[in-house]
Amino acid sequence: MTPEPVAVLPRTGTPTPVMATPVFWFEDVLGAVAGDGLLGRIGEAAQDLASSGAPGGGGPALLRLQAPELAEALALVTPIAQELLGTDGLAGSIEYAVTVHGTGQHTALRTDAGPDGSAPGPVAFDYFLHRRPSRFSGGEHRIYDLCLRDGREELARTFRDVYPDHDTLVLYPATSWYEVRLVQCPSGLDEDGRFAFHGWIS
């Protein structure tokens, strides 16, 4: 039996290359005792912010909190970050703040890079903490890939969702585009929400 000829459709455009954003994460970063101690300090700071009546503006609250135990852990993974992300010359300088996402809150699509394309540091990180078992749903940290279209970098349709598991650290290029998905917390209490240290290594 003679096979039917295969129809070749005319090309309607040029292929669009997609560049996967490198994303790496580490579990059990501080361990149970140190992680719970840090979570307790964050909870106290969040309660102080709420009692002060500081305006939230509907978005996540930002807390300034020193966490030397996290700084030590980041110093250990900095050489690994250089190798995995192809970033040379990291001195291990760290800058961060704590974000508190309560029920109905999210972070819209954004990048840490400024208009000139530079960021506070070449490597961004997020370190997640929350009560156990988790008292919220959602809150995935979504990191997008890029595509090259007409010689310009644009957002691709593909992404990685990192669930904010307790005592987990995620690393990615600071120029990446990301968002925090909507958080739902039935209790409505800040201490039951999603806590994350967001910052940069340079």
C-alpha atoms as a PDB file:
ATOM      1  CA  MET A   1       0.000   0.000   0.000  1.00  0.00           C
ATOM      2  CA  THR A   2       1.429   3.345  -1.014  1.00  0.00           C
ATOM      3  CA  PRO A   3       1.643   5.804   1.914  1.00  0.00           C
ATOM      4  CA  GLU A   4      -0.202   9.071   1.612  1.00  0.00           C
ATOM      5  CA  PRO A   5       2.086  12.060   0.996  1.00  0.00           C
ATOM      6  CA  VAL A   6       2.697  14.226   4.034  1.00  0.00           C
ATOM      7  CA  ALA A   7       1.500  17.788   3.637  1.00  0.00           C
ATOM      8  CA  VAL A   8       4.092  20.409   4.562  1.00  0.00           C
ATOM      9  CA  LEU A   9       2.452  23.510   5.940  1.00  0.00           C
ATOM     10  CA  PRO A  10       3.984  26.864   5.062  1.00  0.00           C
ATOM     11  CA  ARG A  11       5.933  28.600   7.816  1.00  0.00           C
ATOM     12  CA  THR A  12       3.998  31.404   9.410  1.00  0.00           C
ATOM     13  CA  GLY A  13       6.738  32.824  11.637  1.00  0.00           C
ATOM     14  CA  THR A  14      10.134  32.275  13.180  1.00  0.00           C
ATOM     15  CA  PRO A  15      10.805  30.011  16.171  1.00  0.00           C
ATOM     16  CA  THR A  16      10.799  31.778  19.536  1.00  0.00           C
ATOM     17  CA  PRO A  17      13.589  30.587  21.847  1.00  0.00           C
ATOM     18  CA  VAL A  18      12.649  30.285  25.521  1.00  0.00           C
ATOM     19  CA  MET A  19      15.364  30.687  28.157  1.00  0.00           C
ATOM     20  CA  ALA A  20      14.626  28.826  31.383  1.00  0.00           C
ATOM     21  CA  THR A  21      15.348  30.907  34.466  1.00  0.00           C
ATOM     22  CA  PRO A  22      17.654  28.965  36.792  1.00  0.00           C
ATOM     23  CA  VAL A  23      15.943  28.346  40.121  1.00  0.00           C
ATOM     24  CA  PHE A  24      17.440  26.357  43.002  1.00  0.00           C
ATOM     25  CA  TRP A  25      16.163  25.716  46.479  1.00  0.00           C
ATOM     26  CA  PHE A  26      17.387  24.188  49.697  1.00  0.00           C
ATOM     27  CA  GLU A  27      15.259  22.468  52.346  1.00  0.00           C
ATOM     28  CA  ASP A  28      15.841  22.275  56.128  1.00  0.00           C
ATOM     29  CA  VAL A  29      18.070  25.340  56.005  1.00  0.00           C
ATOM     30  CA  LEU A  30      18.160  26.288  59.698  1.00  0.00           C
ATOM     31  CA  GLY A  31      16.674  23.201  61.295  1.00  0.00           C
ATOM     32  CA  ALA A  32      13.725  22.887  63.643  1.00  0.00           C
ATOM     33  CA  VAL A  33      15.046  24.721  66.705  1.00  0.00           C
ATOM     34  CA  ALA A  34      16.631  27.722  64.959  1.00  0.00           C
ATOM     35  CA  GLY A  35      13.781  27.952  62.424  1.00  0.00           C
ATOM     36  CA  ASP A  36      11.126  28.010  65.144  1.00  0.00           C
ATOM     37  CA  GLY A  37      13.089  30.608  67.110  1.00  0.00           C
ATOM     38  CA  LEU A  38      13.300  32.902  64.101  1.00  0.00           C
ATOM     39  CA  LEU A  39       9.619  32.369  63.323  1.00  0.00           C
ATOM     40  CA  GLY A  40       8.739  33.422  66.869  1.00  0.00           C
ATOM     41  CA  ARG A  41      10.706  36.668  66.520  1.00  0.00           C
ATOM     42  CA  ILE A  42       8.967  37.418  63.216  1.00  0.00           C
ATOM     43  CA  GLY A  43       5.565  36.789  64.815  1.00  0.00           C
ATOM     44  CA  GLU A  44       6.349  39.248  67.608  1.00  0.00           C
ATOM     45  CA  ALA A  45       7.486  41.875  65.100  1.00  0.00           C
ATOM     46  CA  ALA A  46       4.319  41.351  63.027  1.00  0.00           C
ATOM     47  CA  GLN A  47       2.133  41.819  66.109  1.00  0.00           C
ATOM     48  CA  ASP A  48       3.983  45.019  67.006  1.00  0.00           C
ATOM     49  CA  LEU A  49       3.395  46.327  63.475  1.00  0.00           C
ATOM     50  CA  ALA A  50      -0.315  45.513  63.673  1.00  0.00           C
ATOM     51  CA  SER A  51      -0.707  47.154  67.095  1.00  0.00           C
ATOM     52  CA  SER A  52       1.052  50.300  65.867  1.00  0.00           C
ATOM     53  CA  GLY A  53      -1.692  50.876  63.307  1.00  0.00           C
ATOM     54  CA  ALA A  54       0.809  51.194  60.459  1.00  0.00           C
ATOM     55  CA  PRO A  55      -1.026  51.383  57.130  1.00  0.00           C
ATOM     56  CA  GLY A  56      -0.813  48.210  55.087  1.00  0.00           C
ATOM     57  CA  GLY A  57      -2.240  49.533  51.838  1.00  0.00           C
ATOM     58  CA  GLY A  58      -3.713  46.118  51.033  1.00  0.00           C
ATOM     59  CA  GLY A  59      -0.309  44.696  50.174  1.00  0.00           C
ATOM     60  CA  PRO A  60       2.118  42.592  52.199  1.00  0.00           C
ATOM     61  CA  ALA A  61       3.655  44.154  55.297  1.00  0.00           C
ATOM     62  CA  LEU A  62       7.419  44.740  55.384  1.00  0.00           C
ATOM     63  CA  LEU A  63       9.426  44.112  58.555  1.00  0.00           C
ATOM     64  CA  ARG A  64      13.043  44.952  59.343  1.00  0.00           C
ATOM     65  CA  LEU A  65      14.507  42.168  61.431  1.00  0.00           C
ATOM     66  CA  GLN A  66      18.088  41.053  62.048  1.00  0.00           C
ATOM     67  CA  ALA A  67      18.592  37.337  61.488  1.00  0.00           C
ATOM     68  CA  PRO A  68      22.253  36.376  62.034  1.00  0.00           C
ATOM     69  CA  GLU A  69      21.384  32.672  61.829  1.00  0.00           C
ATOM     70  CA  LEU A  70      20.023  33.180  58.315  1.00  0.00           C
ATOM     71  CA  ALA A  71      23.076  35.250  57.360  1.00  0.00           C
ATOM     72  CA  GLU A  72      25.297  32.335  58.412  1.00  0.00           C
ATOM     73  CA  ALA A  73      23.259  29.898  56.325  1.00  0.00           C
ATOM     74  CA  LEU A  74      23.420  32.213  53.302  1.00  0.00           C
ATOM     75  CA  ALA A  75      27.205  32.451  53.673  1.00  0.00           C
ATOM     76  CA  LEU A  76      27.361  28.650  53.398  1.00  0.00           C
ATOM     77  CA  VAL A  77      25.292  28.528  50.194  1.00  0.00           C
ATOM     78  CA  THR A  78      26.915  31.546  48.490  1.00  0.00           C
ATOM     79  CA  PRO A  79      29.660  29.421  46.826  1.00  0.00           C
ATOM     80  CA  ILE A  80      26.967  27.000  45.666  1.00  0.00           C
ATOM     81  CA  ALA A  81      24.916  29.907  44.302  1.00  0.00           C
ATOM     82  CA  GLN A  82      27.923  31.118  42.308  1.00  0.00           C
ATOM     83  CA  GLU A  83      28.351  27.713  40.713  1.00  0.00           C
ATOM     84  CA  LEU A  84      24.678  26.945  40.048  1.00  0.00           C
ATOM     85  CA  LEU A  85      23.721  30.399  38.784  1.00  0.00           C
ATOM     86  CA  GLY A  86      26.990  31.139  36.965  1.00  0.00           C
ATOM     87  CA  THR A  87      27.598  34.257  39.046  1.00  0.00           C
ATOM     88  CA  ASP A  88      31.237  35.100  39.755  1.00  0.00           C
ATOM     89  CA  GLY A  89      32.665  37.385  42.386  1.00  0.00           C
ATOM     90  CA  LEU A  90      29.992  37.245  45.073  1.00  0.00           C
ATOM     91  CA  ALA A  91      31.439  38.750  48.239  1.00  0.00           C
ATOM     92  CA  GLY A  92      28.631  37.424  50.423  1.00  0.00           C
ATOM     93  CA  SER A  93      27.116  40.821  51.238  1.00  0.00           C
ATOM     94  CA  ILE A  94      23.450  40.321  52.165  1.00  0.00           C
ATOM     95  CA  GLU A  95      20.472  42.697  52.238  1.00  0.00           C
ATOM     96  CA  TYR A  96      16.916  41.659  53.112  1.00  0.00           C
ATOM     97  CA  ALA A  97      13.524  42.463  54.609  1.00  0.00           C
ATOM     98  CA  VAL A  98      10.683  40.254  55.822  1.00  0.00           C
ATOM     99  CA  THR A  99       7.422  40.176  53.878  1.00  0.00           C
ATOM    100  CA  VAL A 100       4.203  39.151  55.627  1.00  0.00           C
ATOM    101  CA  HIS A 101       1.369  38.038  53.363  1.00  0.00           C
ATOM    102  CA  GLY A 102      -1.987  37.659  55.090  1.00  0.00           C
ATOM    103  CA  THR A 103      -5.297  36.545  53.689  1.00  0.00           C
ATOM    104  CA  GLY A 104      -6.253  38.110  50.366  1.00  0.00           C
ATOM    105  CA  GLN A 105      -2.758  39.488  49.774  1.00  0.00           C
ATOM    106  CA  HIS A 106      -0.296  38.854  46.952  1.00  0.00           C
ATOM    107  CA  THR A 107       2.623  40.512  45.193  1.00  0.00           C
ATOM    108  CA  ALA A 108       1.983  41.565  41.604  1.00  0.00           C
ATOM    109  CA  LEU A 109       4.346  40.624  38.796  1.00  0.00           C
ATOM    110  CA  ARG A 110       7.631  42.489  39.254  1.00  0.00           C
ATOM    111  CA  THR A 111      11.396  42.387  38.972  1.00  0.00           C
ATOM    112  CA  ASP A 112      14.022  43.638  41.414  1.00  0.00           C
ATOM    113  CA  ALA A 113      15.953  45.203  38.540  1.00  0.00           C
ATOM    114  CA  GLY A 114      15.701  48.940  38.051  1.00  0.00           C
ATOM    115  CA  PRO A 115      15.130  50.797  34.756  1.00  0.00           C
ATOM    116  CA  ASP A 116      18.823  50.429  33.927  1.00  0.00           C
ATOM    117  CA  GLY A 117      18.619  46.651  34.378  1.00  0.00           C
ATOM    118  CA  SER A 118      20.662  46.578  37.582  1.00  0.00           C
ATOM    119  CA  ALA A 119      19.503  44.981  40.834  1.00  0.00           C
ATOM    120  CA  PRO A 120      20.624  45.367  44.475  1.00  0.00           C
ATOM    121  CA  GLY A 121      22.659  42.180  44.002  1.00  0.00           C
ATOM    122  CA  PRO A 122      23.042  39.586  41.248  1.00  0.00           C
ATOM    123  CA  VAL A 123      21.358  36.792  43.236  1.00  0.00           C
ATOM    124  CA  ALA A 124      17.902  37.099  44.805  1.00  0.00           C
ATOM    125  CA  PHE A 125      16.702  34.816  47.553  1.00  0.00           C
ATOM    126  CA  ASP A 126      13.564  34.056  49.515  1.00  0.00           C
ATOM    127  CA  TYR A 127      13.602  32.160  52.791  1.00  0.00           C
ATOM    128  CA  PHE A 128      10.178  30.897  53.879  1.00  0.00           C
ATOM    129  CA  LEU A 129       8.796  30.355  57.372  1.00  0.00           C
ATOM    130  CA  HIS A 130       5.295  29.626  58.672  1.00  0.00           C
ATOM    131  CA  ARG A 131       3.447  27.878  61.448  1.00  0.00           C
ATOM    132  CA  ARG A 132       3.155  24.122  61.195  1.00  0.00           C
ATOM    133  CA  PRO A 133       0.915  22.715  59.979  1.00  0.00           C
ATOM    134  CA  SER A 134       0.439  25.503  57.481  1.00  0.00           C
ATOM    135  CA  ARG A 135      -2.588  27.669  58.225  1.00  0.00           C
ATOM    136  CA  PHE A 136      -2.778  29.260  54.772  1.00  0.00           C
ATOM    137  CA  SER A 137      -3.109  28.159  51.164  1.00  0.00           C
ATOM    138  CA  GLY A 138      -1.655  29.671  48.012  1.00  0.00           C
ATOM    139  CA  GLY A 139       1.313  32.016  48.267  1.00  0.00           C
ATOM    140  CA  GLU A 140       3.399  30.220  45.639  1.00  0.00           C
ATOM    141  CA  HIS A 141       6.512  32.120  44.576  1.00  0.00           C
ATOM    142  CA  ARG A 142       6.170  32.080  40.778  1.00  0.00           C
ATOM    143  CA  ILE A 143       9.358  32.759  38.779  1.00  0.00           C
ATOM    144  CA  TYR A 144       8.993  33.285  35.032  1.00  0.00           C
ATOM    145  CA  ASP A 145      11.170  32.249  32.113  1.00  0.00           C
ATOM    146  CA  LEU A 146      12.140  34.653  29.338  1.00  0.00           C
ATOM    147  CA  CYS A 147      11.820  34.372  25.587  1.00  0.00           C
ATOM    148  CA  LEU A 148      13.578  36.168  22.778  1.00  0.00           C
ATOM    149  CA  ARG A 149      11.165  37.803  20.340  1.00  0.00           C
ATOM    150  CA  ASP A 150      12.293  40.170  17.577  1.00  0.00           C
ATOM    151  CA  GLY A 151      15.641  40.533  19.311  1.00  0.00           C
ATOM    152  CA  ARG A 152      14.078  41.581  22.629  1.00  0.00           C
ATOM    153  CA  GLU A 153      13.742  39.678  25.897  1.00  0.00           C
ATOM    154  CA  GLU A 154      10.122  39.212  26.959  1.00  0.00           C
ATOM    155  CA  LEU A 155       8.240  37.167  29.518  1.00  0.00           C
ATOM    156  CA  ALA A 156       7.591  33.609  28.430  1.00  0.00           C
ATOM    157  CA  ARG A 157       4.416  31.666  29.190  1.00  0.00           C
ATOM    158  CA  THR A 158       6.395  29.183  31.271  1.00  0.00           C
ATOM    159  CA  PHE A 159       7.356  29.494  34.926  1.00  0.00           C
ATOM    160  CA  ARG A 160       8.319  27.630  38.081  1.00  0.00           C
ATOM    161  CA  ASP A 161       6.086  27.659  41.167  1.00  0.00           C
ATOM    162  CA  VAL A 162       8.001  27.278  44.428  1.00  0.00           C
ATOM    163  CA  TYR A 163       5.659  26.529  47.318  1.00  0.00           C
ATOM    164  CA  PRO A 164       6.709  28.446  50.454  1.00  0.00           C
ATOM    165  CA  ASP A 165       7.464  25.414  52.609  1.00  0.00           C
ATOM    166  CA  HIS A 166       8.738  26.132  56.111  1.00  0.00           C
ATOM    167  CA  ASP A 167      12.555  26.425  56.418  1.00  0.00           C
ATOM    168  CA  THR A 168      13.090  26.478  52.644  1.00  0.00           C
ATOM    169  CA  LEU A 169      15.436  28.824  50.754  1.00  0.00           C
ATOM    170  CA  VAL A 170      15.122  29.572  47.024  1.00  0.00           C
ATOM    171  CA  LEU A 171      17.803  31.287  44.901  1.00  0.00           C
ATOM    172  CA  TYR A 172      17.420  32.818  41.425  1.00  0.00           C
ATOM    173  CA  PRO A 173      18.835  35.698  39.335  1.00  0.00           C
ATOM    174  CA  ALA A 174      17.807  39.069  40.765  1.00  0.00           C
ATOM    175  CA  THR A 175      16.775  40.297  37.316  1.00  0.00           C
ATOM    176  CA  SER A 176      14.072  37.600  37.099  1.00  0.00           C
ATOM    177  CA  TRP A 177      10.386  38.415  36.911  1.00  0.00           C
ATOM    178  CA  TYR A 178       8.302  36.929  39.716  1.00  0.00           C
ATOM    179  CA  GLU A 179       5.069  37.217  41.643  1.00  0.00           C
ATOM    180  CA  VAL A 180       3.585  35.891  44.876  1.00  0.00           C
ATOM    181  CA  ARG A 181       0.277  34.164  44.278  1.00  0.00           C
ATOM    182  CA  LEU A 182      -2.809  35.030  46.307  1.00  0.00           C
ATOM    183  CA  VAL A 183      -2.736  33.916  49.950  1.00  0.00           C
ATOM    184  CA  GLN A 184      -5.857  32.657  51.700  1.00  0.00           C
ATOM    185  CA  CYS A 185      -5.702  32.401  55.491  1.00  0.00           C
ATOM    186  CA  PRO A 186      -9.035  31.355  57.082  1.00  0.00           C
ATOM    187  CA  SER A 187      -8.142  32.666  60.553  1.00  0.00           C
ATOM    188  CA  GLY A 188      -7.272  36.133  59.244  1.00  0.00           C
ATOM    189  CA  LEU A 189      -4.431  36.332  61.784  1.00  0.00           C
ATOM    190  CA  ASP A 190      -1.073  37.734  60.659  1.00  0.00           C
ATOM    191  CA  GLU A 191       0.788  35.096  62.657  1.00  0.00           C
ATOM    192  CA  ASP A 192      -0.924  32.387  60.567  1.00  0.00           C
ATOM    193  CA  GLY A 193       0.218  33.935  57.285  1.00  0.00           C
ATOM    194  CA  ARG A 194       3.117  33.540  54.910  1.00  0.00           C
ATOM    195  CA  PHE A 195       6.472  34.900  56.083  1.00  0.00           C
ATOM    196  CA  ALA A 196       9.483  35.285  53.792  1.00  0.00           C
ATOM    197  CA  PHE A 197      12.866  36.938  53.966  1.00  0.00           C
ATOM    198  CA  HIS A 198      13.311  38.506  50.533  1.00  0.00           C
ATOM    199  CA  GLY A 199      16.743  39.845  49.666  1.00  0.00           C
ATOM    200  CA  TRP A 200      19.898  39.769  47.613  1.00  0.00           C
ATOM    201  CA  ILE A 201      23.437  38.409  47.732  1.00  0.00           C
ATOM    202  CA  SER A 202      26.198  40.509  46.205  1.00  0.00           C
END
